[in-house]
Structure formats: structure tokens, C-alpha cells
Amino acid sequence: MIDTEARAAPRFPALTVATPRLDIRPLAAADAPEVEAILADRLTRRWLPLPDDSTIDGRTWCTDVAGRQREIGDGDHYVALRREDGRLVAVLWTSRTDWTARATEVSYLVAPGARGFGVASEAVDAIAIALLLEHGFERIELRIAPGNTASRRVAEKAGFVYEGLQRNAGYVHGGRVDLQMWSLVAGDLRG
């Protein structure tokens, strides 16, 4: 007999991670003004998968978008706070979660004033390691548009391995793009 009752979507693990420079915690509605400033930044918008004329405000991102991710079990949203002053320096989120394969994708946005200081690689590395070692994930992925050299450096510094090019696999505000696939797997941490 087949169970026809709807099963609840798996819940993404609640993550709170600390690094020497950052505290990473779940995104909250109170983060909306700082998130909105990051989303409004021209360089940030260049790499977001949104058309030029679209707008998304910080409140919507922090409540509706993040809530929907949690509700369907596809991922969660986080912020990275600089420990020295508590300033929000990055927004991260997980998506495309495959619960059978125990794999997920991590994406991130860095506040303009925090770029170039290794914030993204430190935060991505911390979340990836927590998911692999503490929450039983086997694979963490990054998908990066080839022209986004800063994100490529993040992947390299965080220990991800380049796997190849996915042709015409994504889009950014300017249209369709190829995507570089990078991954960190549980075995990479044992070596």
C-alpha cells in the first residue's frame, strides 16, 4: 500500500557558526535595511539572477524569500556579522537541496565595504564545513558565472574543487550565462 499523505518537507538545519572574524546566524526580519543596501548595490545586482528592471526589497528577502526556502525544505538564509563591531557584512543562502544525495548549493552576497577582505570565503568555508561535518551533507556546490572572478577566488580560497563548465545553465541581470561548477565533498575534509 502506498502512503498518499503528504509528507512534511525536511527542515534545513539551523546553523549558527563562529569563525575568528565572523558570527554567522540565521537571517532575521530586523536585518532588512542592511540586506536592502546590499541588494541595491550595482555590482551585487550585476551577478544576481534577476532582470535589470526587477526590484526586491530587504524586507521581502528577509521574510518572504527566506521563509519560502525554509518552508519547502530547499535551504535557508544566513547573515555574517563582523565580530569586532557586529556589522552585517554578508548574506548567504542554501538552495537546490537534494535530501537523498545530501547535497546543497551555497550562494552569497557581500556588503560593498566588506569586499576584498576574505569575508565571503571565510563564511562559505564555515557554512560548508558545518554542513559536511555536523549535519551529514556529502556535497556542497557553488555555481559561478565565468566573468565573476571575485567569486572564483572565493571558491578557491574556501577549498572548493573546479568540476567544469555547465553551458547556458544560468542567468544574471544581463541574460543567459554558462556556470562554473565548484564543489566541496565530505572526502575533501578527510584528506
N, C-alpha and C. Protein backbone atom coordinates (compact mmCIF):
# COMPACT_ATOMS: atom_id res chain seq x y z
N MET A 1 0.84 -1.17 0.00
CA MET A 1 0.00 0.00 0.00
C MET A 1 0.89 1.24 0.00
N ILE A 2 0.53 2.21 -0.82
CA ILE A 2 1.30 3.44 -0.94
C ILE A 2 0.73 4.49 -0.01
N ASP A 3 1.62 5.13 0.72
CA ASP A 3 1.21 6.21 1.62
C ASP A 3 0.95 7.45 0.78
N THR A 4 -0.28 7.88 0.70
CA THR A 4 -0.63 9.03 -0.13
C THR A 4 -0.69 10.33 0.65
N GLU A 5 -0.49 10.28 1.95
CA GLU A 5 -0.49 11.50 2.74
C GLU A 5 0.76 12.31 2.44
N ALA A 6 0.60 13.60 2.35
CA ALA A 6 1.74 14.47 2.08
C ALA A 6 2.70 14.41 3.26
N ARG A 7 3.96 14.27 2.93
CA ARG A 7 4.99 14.27 3.97
C ARG A 7 5.54 15.67 4.12
N ALA A 8 5.89 16.01 5.33
CA ALA A 8 6.47 17.32 5.57
C ALA A 8 7.85 17.39 4.92
N ALA A 9 8.16 18.53 4.34
CA ALA A 9 9.47 18.73 3.74
C ALA A 9 10.52 18.69 4.84
N PRO A 10 11.67 18.09 4.53
CA PRO A 10 12.75 18.11 5.53
C PRO A 10 13.11 19.55 5.87
N ARG A 11 13.48 19.78 7.09
CA ARG A 11 13.88 21.11 7.52
C ARG A 11 15.38 21.24 7.42
N PHE A 12 15.80 22.37 6.88
CA PHE A 12 17.22 22.62 6.78
C PHE A 12 17.75 22.87 8.19
N PRO A 13 18.96 22.39 8.50
CA PRO A 13 19.46 22.54 9.87
C PRO A 13 19.65 24.01 10.24
N ALA A 14 19.30 24.32 11.47
CA ALA A 14 19.54 25.67 11.99
C ALA A 14 21.04 25.80 12.21
N LEU A 15 21.64 26.77 11.57
CA LEU A 15 23.09 26.94 11.67
C LEU A 15 23.44 28.23 12.39
N THR A 16 24.33 28.11 13.32
CA THR A 16 24.99 29.25 13.93
C THR A 16 26.45 28.85 13.99
N VAL A 17 27.30 29.61 13.31
CA VAL A 17 28.70 29.25 13.18
C VAL A 17 29.55 30.47 13.53
N ALA A 18 30.66 30.24 14.20
CA ALA A 18 31.58 31.32 14.53
C ALA A 18 32.94 31.01 13.91
N THR A 19 33.56 32.04 13.37
CA THR A 19 34.93 31.95 12.87
C THR A 19 35.72 32.99 13.66
N PRO A 20 37.02 33.06 13.48
CA PRO A 20 37.77 34.09 14.22
C PRO A 20 37.27 35.51 13.97
N ARG A 21 36.74 35.80 12.76
CA ARG A 21 36.31 37.16 12.45
C ARG A 21 34.81 37.33 12.30
N LEU A 22 34.06 36.23 12.17
CA LEU A 22 32.64 36.33 11.82
C LEU A 22 31.76 35.50 12.75
N ASP A 23 30.54 36.00 12.95
CA ASP A 23 29.47 35.22 13.55
C ASP A 23 28.43 35.04 12.46
N ILE A 24 28.04 33.80 12.19
CA ILE A 24 27.06 33.50 11.15
C ILE A 24 25.82 32.96 11.84
N ARG A 25 24.69 33.57 11.52
CA ARG A 25 23.44 33.18 12.16
C ARG A 25 22.31 33.26 11.13
N PRO A 26 21.15 32.67 11.47
CA PRO A 26 20.00 32.77 10.55
C PRO A 26 19.60 34.23 10.31
N LEU A 27 19.15 34.48 9.11
CA LEU A 27 18.65 35.80 8.71
C LEU A 27 17.39 36.12 9.50
N ALA A 28 17.24 37.37 9.91
CA ALA A 28 16.05 37.80 10.66
C ALA A 28 15.43 39.02 9.97
N ALA A 29 14.17 39.27 10.25
CA ALA A 29 13.47 40.42 9.66
C ALA A 29 14.18 41.73 9.99
N ALA A 30 14.79 41.82 11.16
CA ALA A 30 15.49 43.05 11.56
C ALA A 30 16.71 43.35 10.69
N ASP A 31 17.16 42.37 9.91
CA ASP A 31 18.32 42.57 9.03
C ASP A 31 17.94 43.27 7.73
N ALA A 32 16.65 43.51 7.52
CA ALA A 32 16.16 44.02 6.23
C ALA A 32 16.85 45.28 5.73
N PRO A 33 17.07 46.31 6.54
CA PRO A 33 17.70 47.52 5.99
C PRO A 33 19.11 47.27 5.43
N GLU A 34 19.91 46.49 6.15
CA GLU A 34 21.27 46.20 5.68
C GLU A 34 21.24 45.30 4.44
N VAL A 35 20.33 44.33 4.42
CA VAL A 35 20.20 43.45 3.26
C VAL A 35 19.75 44.26 2.05
N GLU A 36 18.83 45.18 2.25
CA GLU A 36 18.36 46.01 1.15
C GLU A 36 19.48 46.84 0.55
N ALA A 37 20.38 47.34 1.38
CA ALA A 37 21.51 48.12 0.88
C ALA A 37 22.43 47.23 0.03
N ILE A 38 22.63 45.99 0.42
CA ILE A 38 23.45 45.07 -0.37
C ILE A 38 22.76 44.76 -1.69
N LEU A 39 21.46 44.48 -1.65
CA LEU A 39 20.72 44.15 -2.87
C LEU A 39 20.66 45.32 -3.85
N ALA A 40 20.74 46.54 -3.36
CA ALA A 40 20.67 47.72 -4.22
C ALA A 40 21.99 48.07 -4.87
N ASP A 41 23.07 47.49 -4.39
CA ASP A 41 24.41 47.79 -4.92
C ASP A 41 24.53 47.35 -6.38
N ARG A 42 25.09 48.21 -7.21
CA ARG A 42 25.21 47.95 -8.65
C ARG A 42 26.03 46.69 -8.94
N LEU A 43 27.16 46.52 -8.27
CA LEU A 43 28.00 45.34 -8.52
C LEU A 43 27.29 44.06 -8.07
N THR A 44 26.61 44.13 -6.95
CA THR A 44 25.84 42.98 -6.48
C THR A 44 24.79 42.60 -7.51
N ARG A 45 24.05 43.57 -8.00
CA ARG A 45 22.98 43.31 -8.97
C ARG A 45 23.51 42.72 -10.26
N ARG A 46 24.74 43.03 -10.61
CA ARG A 46 25.33 42.50 -11.85
C ARG A 46 25.29 40.98 -11.88
N TRP A 47 25.48 40.35 -10.73
CA TRP A 47 25.59 38.89 -10.70
C TRP A 47 24.34 38.19 -10.17
N LEU A 48 23.33 38.95 -9.77
CA LEU A 48 22.09 38.31 -9.30
C LEU A 48 21.27 37.79 -10.47
N PRO A 49 20.59 36.67 -10.28
CA PRO A 49 19.74 36.14 -11.36
C PRO A 49 18.40 36.86 -11.43
N LEU A 50 18.47 38.17 -11.63
CA LEU A 50 17.27 39.00 -11.72
C LEU A 50 17.40 39.93 -12.92
N PRO A 51 16.31 40.19 -13.63
CA PRO A 51 16.36 41.17 -14.72
C PRO A 51 16.68 42.56 -14.18
N ASP A 52 17.22 43.42 -15.04
CA ASP A 52 17.60 44.78 -14.65
C ASP A 52 16.47 45.57 -14.01
N ASP A 53 15.25 45.40 -14.53
CA ASP A 53 14.14 46.21 -14.06
C ASP A 53 13.45 45.65 -12.82
N SER A 54 13.92 44.53 -12.31
CA SER A 54 13.28 43.94 -11.14
C SER A 54 13.77 44.62 -9.86
N THR A 55 12.94 44.60 -8.87
CA THR A 55 13.33 45.12 -7.57
C THR A 55 12.92 44.11 -6.51
N ILE A 56 13.76 43.98 -5.53
CA ILE A 56 13.42 43.16 -4.37
C ILE A 56 13.93 43.91 -3.15
N ASP A 57 13.03 44.13 -2.23
CA ASP A 57 13.43 44.90 -1.06
C ASP A 57 13.94 43.98 0.03
N GLY A 58 14.64 44.56 0.98
CA GLY A 58 15.23 43.79 2.07
C GLY A 58 14.20 43.06 2.92
N ARG A 59 13.07 43.70 3.16
CA ARG A 59 12.03 43.06 3.97
C ARG A 59 11.51 41.80 3.29
N THR A 60 11.24 41.89 1.99
CA THR A 60 10.76 40.73 1.23
C THR A 60 11.79 39.61 1.26
N TRP A 61 13.06 39.98 1.06
CA TRP A 61 14.14 38.98 1.07
C TRP A 61 14.22 38.29 2.43
N CYS A 62 14.17 39.08 3.50
CA CYS A 62 14.35 38.54 4.85
C CYS A 62 13.15 37.77 5.37
N THR A 63 11.96 38.04 4.84
CA THR A 63 10.76 37.36 5.34
C THR A 63 10.21 36.38 4.31
N ASP A 64 9.71 36.88 3.20
CA ASP A 64 9.04 36.02 2.22
C ASP A 64 9.99 35.04 1.53
N VAL A 65 11.08 35.55 0.98
CA VAL A 65 12.00 34.69 0.22
C VAL A 65 12.64 33.66 1.15
N ALA A 66 13.18 34.13 2.28
CA ALA A 66 13.81 33.20 3.23
C ALA A 66 12.79 32.23 3.82
N GLY A 67 11.59 32.72 4.15
CA GLY A 67 10.56 31.86 4.71
C GLY A 67 10.13 30.76 3.76
N ARG A 68 10.01 31.11 2.47
CA ARG A 68 9.63 30.12 1.47
C ARG A 68 10.71 29.03 1.35
N GLN A 69 11.98 29.42 1.36
CA GLN A 69 13.06 28.43 1.30
C GLN A 69 12.96 27.45 2.46
N ARG A 70 12.77 27.98 3.66
CA ARG A 70 12.66 27.12 4.84
C ARG A 70 11.45 26.20 4.76
N GLU A 71 10.32 26.79 4.36
CA GLU A 71 9.05 26.06 4.33
C GLU A 71 9.09 24.85 3.39
N ILE A 72 9.70 25.01 2.22
CA ILE A 72 9.73 23.91 1.26
C ILE A 72 10.92 22.98 1.49
N GLY A 73 11.78 23.31 2.46
CA GLY A 73 12.91 22.44 2.78
C GLY A 73 14.06 22.54 1.80
N ASP A 74 14.08 23.61 1.00
CA ASP A 74 15.10 23.74 -0.04
C ASP A 74 16.38 24.38 0.47
N GLY A 75 16.34 25.03 1.62
CA GLY A 75 17.53 25.68 2.14
C GLY A 75 17.17 26.67 3.23
N ASP A 76 18.10 27.58 3.48
CA ASP A 76 17.88 28.60 4.49
C ASP A 76 18.73 29.82 4.15
N HIS A 77 18.53 30.90 4.87
CA HIS A 77 19.25 32.16 4.68
C HIS A 77 19.99 32.54 5.96
N TYR A 78 21.17 33.13 5.79
CA TYR A 78 22.03 33.48 6.92
C TYR A 78 22.65 34.84 6.70
N VAL A 79 23.17 35.41 7.77
CA VAL A 79 23.97 36.61 7.67
C VAL A 79 25.30 36.36 8.37
N ALA A 80 26.33 37.04 7.87
CA ALA A 80 27.64 37.01 8.51
C ALA A 80 27.85 38.39 9.13
N LEU A 81 28.12 38.39 10.41
CA LEU A 81 28.36 39.63 11.15
C LEU A 81 29.83 39.70 11.53
N ARG A 82 30.42 40.87 11.33
CA ARG A 82 31.81 41.05 11.73
C ARG A 82 31.85 41.09 13.26
N ARG A 83 32.69 40.25 13.86
CA ARG A 83 32.72 40.12 15.32
C ARG A 83 33.17 41.40 16.01
N GLU A 84 34.07 42.13 15.39
CA GLU A 84 34.63 43.31 16.07
C GLU A 84 33.60 44.42 16.30
N ASP A 85 32.59 44.51 15.42
CA ASP A 85 31.61 45.59 15.59
C ASP A 85 30.16 45.17 15.34
N GLY A 86 29.92 43.90 15.05
CA GLY A 86 28.56 43.40 14.84
C GLY A 86 27.93 43.82 13.53
N ARG A 87 28.71 44.41 12.64
CA ARG A 87 28.18 44.89 11.36
C ARG A 87 27.89 43.73 10.41
N LEU A 88 26.74 43.78 9.74
CA LEU A 88 26.36 42.76 8.76
C LEU A 88 27.24 42.96 7.52
N VAL A 89 28.04 41.94 7.18
CA VAL A 89 28.98 42.06 6.06
C VAL A 89 28.66 41.13 4.90
N ALA A 90 27.77 40.16 5.11
CA ALA A 90 27.44 39.24 4.02
C ALA A 90 26.10 38.56 4.29
N VAL A 91 25.46 38.18 3.20
CA VAL A 91 24.23 37.39 3.24
C VAL A 91 24.55 36.10 2.50
N LEU A 92 24.17 34.96 3.06
CA LEU A 92 24.40 33.67 2.43
C LEU A 92 23.10 32.90 2.42
N TRP A 93 22.96 31.99 1.47
CA TRP A 93 21.78 31.13 1.47
C TRP A 93 22.11 29.81 0.80
N THR A 94 21.37 28.81 1.20
CA THR A 94 21.48 27.49 0.60
C THR A 94 20.22 27.24 -0.22
N SER A 95 20.38 26.50 -1.31
CA SER A 95 19.26 26.19 -2.19
C SER A 95 19.59 24.95 -3.00
N ARG A 96 18.64 24.54 -3.83
CA ARG A 96 18.80 23.34 -4.66
C ARG A 96 19.20 22.13 -3.81
N THR A 97 18.64 22.03 -2.65
CA THR A 97 18.99 20.94 -1.75
C THR A 97 18.39 19.63 -2.23
N ASP A 98 19.23 18.63 -2.35
CA ASP A 98 18.82 17.28 -2.70
C ASP A 98 19.00 16.44 -1.44
N TRP A 99 17.89 16.14 -0.78
CA TRP A 99 17.96 15.44 0.51
C TRP A 99 18.42 14.00 0.37
N THR A 100 18.12 13.36 -0.75
CA THR A 100 18.57 11.98 -0.96
C THR A 100 20.08 11.93 -1.13
N ALA A 101 20.61 12.84 -1.94
CA ALA A 101 22.05 12.89 -2.19
C ALA A 101 22.80 13.64 -1.09
N ARG A 102 22.05 14.31 -0.21
CA ARG A 102 22.65 15.14 0.86
C ARG A 102 23.59 16.18 0.26
N ALA A 103 23.07 16.93 -0.72
CA ALA A 103 23.83 17.96 -1.41
C ALA A 103 23.03 19.26 -1.41
N THR A 104 23.73 20.38 -1.40
CA THR A 104 23.09 21.69 -1.47
C THR A 104 24.04 22.69 -2.10
N GLU A 105 23.48 23.79 -2.56
CA GLU A 105 24.28 24.87 -3.15
C GLU A 105 24.31 26.05 -2.18
N VAL A 106 25.45 26.70 -2.09
CA VAL A 106 25.59 27.90 -1.27
C VAL A 106 25.78 29.10 -2.21
N SER A 107 25.09 30.18 -1.91
CA SER A 107 25.24 31.45 -2.64
C SER A 107 25.48 32.54 -1.62
N TYR A 108 26.00 33.67 -2.06
CA TYR A 108 26.37 34.71 -1.12
C TYR A 108 26.42 36.08 -1.79
N LEU A 109 26.23 37.10 -0.98
CA LEU A 109 26.37 38.50 -1.37
C LEU A 109 27.18 39.18 -0.27
N VAL A 110 28.13 40.00 -0.67
CA VAL A 110 28.98 40.69 0.30
C VAL A 110 28.69 42.19 0.26
N ALA A 111 28.60 42.80 1.42
CA ALA A 111 28.39 44.24 1.51
C ALA A 111 29.54 44.96 0.82
N PRO A 112 29.26 46.03 0.08
CA PRO A 112 30.30 46.73 -0.66
C PRO A 112 31.54 47.08 0.17
N GLY A 113 31.37 47.57 1.38
CA GLY A 113 32.51 47.95 2.21
C GLY A 113 33.32 46.79 2.76
N ALA A 114 32.80 45.57 2.61
CA ALA A 114 33.50 44.39 3.14
C ALA A 114 34.19 43.57 2.05
N ARG A 115 34.04 43.98 0.80
CA ARG A 115 34.66 43.22 -0.30
C ARG A 115 36.17 43.33 -0.26
N GLY A 116 36.81 42.23 -0.66
CA GLY A 116 38.27 42.22 -0.75
C GLY A 116 38.98 41.87 0.54
N PHE A 117 38.25 41.50 1.57
CA PHE A 117 38.86 41.17 2.86
C PHE A 117 38.70 39.69 3.23
N GLY A 118 38.26 38.85 2.30
CA GLY A 118 38.13 37.43 2.56
C GLY A 118 36.89 37.02 3.33
N VAL A 119 35.94 37.93 3.46
CA VAL A 119 34.71 37.65 4.21
C VAL A 119 33.92 36.50 3.57
N ALA A 120 33.73 36.57 2.25
CA ALA A 120 32.92 35.54 1.58
C ALA A 120 33.56 34.17 1.71
N SER A 121 34.85 34.06 1.46
CA SER A 121 35.48 32.73 1.52
C SER A 121 35.45 32.18 2.95
N GLU A 122 35.63 33.04 3.94
CA GLU A 122 35.58 32.60 5.33
C GLU A 122 34.18 32.12 5.70
N ALA A 123 33.16 32.86 5.28
CA ALA A 123 31.78 32.49 5.59
C ALA A 123 31.34 31.23 4.85
N VAL A 124 31.67 31.15 3.56
CA VAL A 124 31.30 29.97 2.76
C VAL A 124 32.00 28.73 3.32
N ASP A 125 33.28 28.86 3.64
CA ASP A 125 34.03 27.74 4.21
C ASP A 125 33.40 27.28 5.52
N ALA A 126 33.03 28.21 6.38
CA ALA A 126 32.45 27.85 7.69
C ALA A 126 31.11 27.13 7.52
N ILE A 127 30.26 27.65 6.64
CA ILE A 127 28.95 27.00 6.43
C ILE A 127 29.14 25.63 5.79
N ALA A 128 30.02 25.53 4.80
CA ALA A 128 30.24 24.24 4.13
C ALA A 128 30.76 23.20 5.11
N ILE A 129 31.72 23.56 5.92
CA ILE A 129 32.28 22.60 6.88
C ILE A 129 31.23 22.19 7.90
N ALA A 130 30.43 23.13 8.39
CA ALA A 130 29.36 22.78 9.34
C ALA A 130 28.36 21.81 8.71
N LEU A 131 27.97 22.07 7.47
CA LEU A 131 27.01 21.18 6.80
C LEU A 131 27.61 19.79 6.59
N LEU A 132 28.87 19.72 6.21
CA LEU A 132 29.51 18.43 5.95
C LEU A 132 29.79 17.65 7.23
N LEU A 133 30.35 18.31 8.23
CA LEU A 133 30.80 17.59 9.43
C LEU A 133 29.72 17.45 10.51
N GLU A 134 28.83 18.43 10.63
CA GLU A 134 27.86 18.40 11.72
C GLU A 134 26.45 18.00 11.30
N HIS A 135 26.15 18.11 10.00
CA HIS A 135 24.78 17.88 9.56
C HIS A 135 24.65 16.81 8.49
N GLY A 136 25.69 16.05 8.24
CA GLY A 136 25.61 14.88 7.37
C GLY A 136 25.49 15.14 5.88
N PHE A 137 25.78 16.35 5.44
CA PHE A 137 25.77 16.59 3.99
C PHE A 137 27.02 15.97 3.38
N GLU A 138 26.91 15.59 2.13
CA GLU A 138 28.02 14.95 1.42
C GLU A 138 28.64 15.84 0.35
N ARG A 139 27.91 16.85 -0.08
CA ARG A 139 28.38 17.69 -1.18
C ARG A 139 27.80 19.10 -1.05
N ILE A 140 28.69 20.10 -1.17
CA ILE A 140 28.29 21.50 -1.18
C ILE A 140 28.75 22.06 -2.53
N GLU A 141 27.86 22.77 -3.20
CA GLU A 141 28.16 23.27 -4.55
C GLU A 141 28.15 24.79 -4.59
N LEU A 142 28.96 25.32 -5.49
CA LEU A 142 28.94 26.74 -5.85
C LEU A 142 28.80 26.78 -7.36
N ARG A 143 27.91 27.61 -7.88
CA ARG A 143 27.77 27.84 -9.31
C ARG A 143 28.15 29.29 -9.57
N ILE A 144 29.12 29.50 -10.45
CA ILE A 144 29.70 30.82 -10.64
C ILE A 144 29.74 31.18 -12.11
N ALA A 145 29.23 32.36 -12.45
CA ALA A 145 29.34 32.85 -13.83
C ALA A 145 30.82 33.08 -14.14
N PRO A 146 31.30 32.63 -15.31
CA PRO A 146 32.73 32.73 -15.63
C PRO A 146 33.34 34.12 -15.48
N GLY A 147 32.61 35.18 -15.71
CA GLY A 147 33.16 36.51 -15.57
C GLY A 147 33.28 37.01 -14.14
N ASN A 148 32.74 36.27 -13.20
CA ASN A 148 32.74 36.69 -11.80
C ASN A 148 34.03 36.20 -11.12
N THR A 149 35.12 36.90 -11.39
CA THR A 149 36.43 36.47 -10.89
C THR A 149 36.51 36.52 -9.36
N ALA A 150 35.82 37.46 -8.74
CA ALA A 150 35.84 37.52 -7.28
C ALA A 150 35.23 36.26 -6.68
N SER A 151 34.14 35.77 -7.26
CA SER A 151 33.52 34.53 -6.75
C SER A 151 34.40 33.32 -7.03
N ARG A 152 35.10 33.33 -8.14
CA ARG A 152 36.03 32.23 -8.41
C ARG A 152 37.11 32.18 -7.33
N ARG A 153 37.61 33.34 -6.93
CA ARG A 153 38.62 33.40 -5.86
C ARG A 153 38.03 32.90 -4.54
N VAL A 154 36.76 33.22 -4.28
CA VAL A 154 36.10 32.73 -3.07
C VAL A 154 36.11 31.20 -3.06
N ALA A 155 35.71 30.61 -4.17
CA ALA A 155 35.68 29.14 -4.28
C ALA A 155 37.05 28.54 -4.03
N GLU A 156 38.07 29.10 -4.65
CA GLU A 156 39.43 28.59 -4.49
C GLU A 156 39.91 28.70 -3.04
N LYS A 157 39.71 29.88 -2.44
CA LYS A 157 40.16 30.11 -1.06
C LYS A 157 39.40 29.25 -0.06
N ALA A 158 38.15 28.93 -0.36
CA ALA A 158 37.35 28.11 0.56
C ALA A 158 37.61 26.62 0.35
N GLY A 159 38.50 26.26 -0.58
CA GLY A 159 38.87 24.86 -0.77
C GLY A 159 37.99 24.08 -1.71
N PHE A 160 37.13 24.74 -2.48
CA PHE A 160 36.27 24.04 -3.43
C PHE A 160 37.08 23.61 -4.65
N VAL A 161 36.63 22.56 -5.30
CA VAL A 161 37.30 21.99 -6.47
C VAL A 161 36.49 22.30 -7.72
N TYR A 162 37.17 22.80 -8.74
CA TYR A 162 36.50 23.11 -10.00
C TYR A 162 36.17 21.81 -10.73
N GLU A 163 34.92 21.66 -11.16
CA GLU A 163 34.49 20.43 -11.82
C GLU A 163 34.23 20.61 -13.31
N GLY A 164 33.99 21.83 -13.76
CA GLY A 164 33.75 22.03 -15.18
C GLY A 164 32.71 23.12 -15.43
N LEU A 165 32.41 23.28 -16.71
CA LEU A 165 31.51 24.33 -17.15
C LEU A 165 30.16 23.75 -17.53
N GLN A 166 29.11 24.33 -16.99
CA GLN A 166 27.75 23.97 -17.36
C GLN A 166 27.31 25.02 -18.38
N ARG A 167 27.15 24.59 -19.61
CA ARG A 167 26.84 25.53 -20.69
C ARG A 167 25.41 26.05 -20.59
N ASN A 168 25.27 27.37 -20.72
CA ASN A 168 23.98 28.04 -20.76
C ASN A 168 23.08 27.61 -19.58
N ALA A 169 23.69 27.44 -18.41
CA ALA A 169 22.99 26.85 -17.27
C ALA A 169 22.38 27.87 -16.31
N GLY A 170 22.65 29.15 -16.51
CA GLY A 170 22.14 30.12 -15.57
C GLY A 170 21.85 31.44 -16.24
N TYR A 171 21.52 32.41 -15.42
CA TYR A 171 21.29 33.74 -15.94
C TYR A 171 21.65 34.76 -14.88
N VAL A 172 22.04 35.93 -15.35
CA VAL A 172 22.29 37.07 -14.50
C VAL A 172 21.50 38.22 -15.10
N HIS A 173 21.58 39.39 -14.51
CA HIS A 173 20.75 40.51 -14.98
C HIS A 173 20.92 40.76 -16.47
N GLY A 174 22.07 40.44 -17.04
CA GLY A 174 22.33 40.69 -18.45
C GLY A 174 21.87 39.59 -19.39
N GLY A 175 21.40 38.46 -18.86
CA GLY A 175 20.93 37.38 -19.71
C GLY A 175 21.53 36.03 -19.35
N ARG A 176 21.43 35.10 -20.28
CA ARG A 176 21.89 33.72 -20.06
C ARG A 176 23.41 33.68 -19.95
N VAL A 177 23.92 32.79 -19.10
CA VAL A 177 25.36 32.61 -18.93
C VAL A 177 25.68 31.14 -18.70
N ASP A 178 26.91 30.78 -19.01
CA ASP A 178 27.43 29.49 -18.59
C ASP A 178 27.68 29.59 -17.08
N LEU A 179 27.81 28.46 -16.42
CA LEU A 179 28.14 28.46 -15.00
C LEU A 179 29.28 27.48 -14.73
N GLN A 180 30.24 27.93 -13.97
CA GLN A 180 31.29 27.04 -13.50
C GLN A 180 30.74 26.28 -12.30
N MET A 181 30.99 24.98 -12.27
CA MET A 181 30.57 24.16 -11.13
C MET A 181 31.79 23.90 -10.24
N TRP A 182 31.64 24.25 -8.99
CA TRP A 182 32.66 24.01 -7.97
C TRP A 182 32.02 23.19 -6.86
N SER A 183 32.79 22.32 -6.21
CA SER A 183 32.20 21.53 -5.12
C SER A 183 33.21 21.30 -4.01
N LEU A 184 32.66 21.03 -2.85
CA LEU A 184 33.42 20.57 -1.70
C LEU A 184 32.66 19.35 -1.20
N VAL A 185 33.33 18.22 -1.10
CA VAL A 185 32.67 16.99 -0.68
C VAL A 185 33.27 16.54 0.65
N ALA A 186 32.54 15.70 1.35
CA ALA A 186 32.97 15.24 2.66
C ALA A 186 34.38 14.65 2.61
N GLY A 187 34.70 13.91 1.56
CA GLY A 187 36.02 13.31 1.43
C GLY A 187 37.14 14.31 1.35
N ASP A 188 36.87 15.53 0.87
CA ASP A 188 37.89 16.57 0.79
C ASP A 188 38.40 16.97 2.17
N LEU A 189 37.55 16.83 3.17
CA LEU A 189 37.92 17.23 4.54
C LEU A 189 38.71 16.15 5.26
N ARG A 190 38.66 14.94 4.76
CA ARG A 190 39.38 13.82 5.39
C ARG A 190 40.79 13.69 4.89
N GLY A 191 41.06 14.33 3.74
CA GLY A 191 42.36 14.17 3.09
C GLY A 191 43.45 15.02 3.63
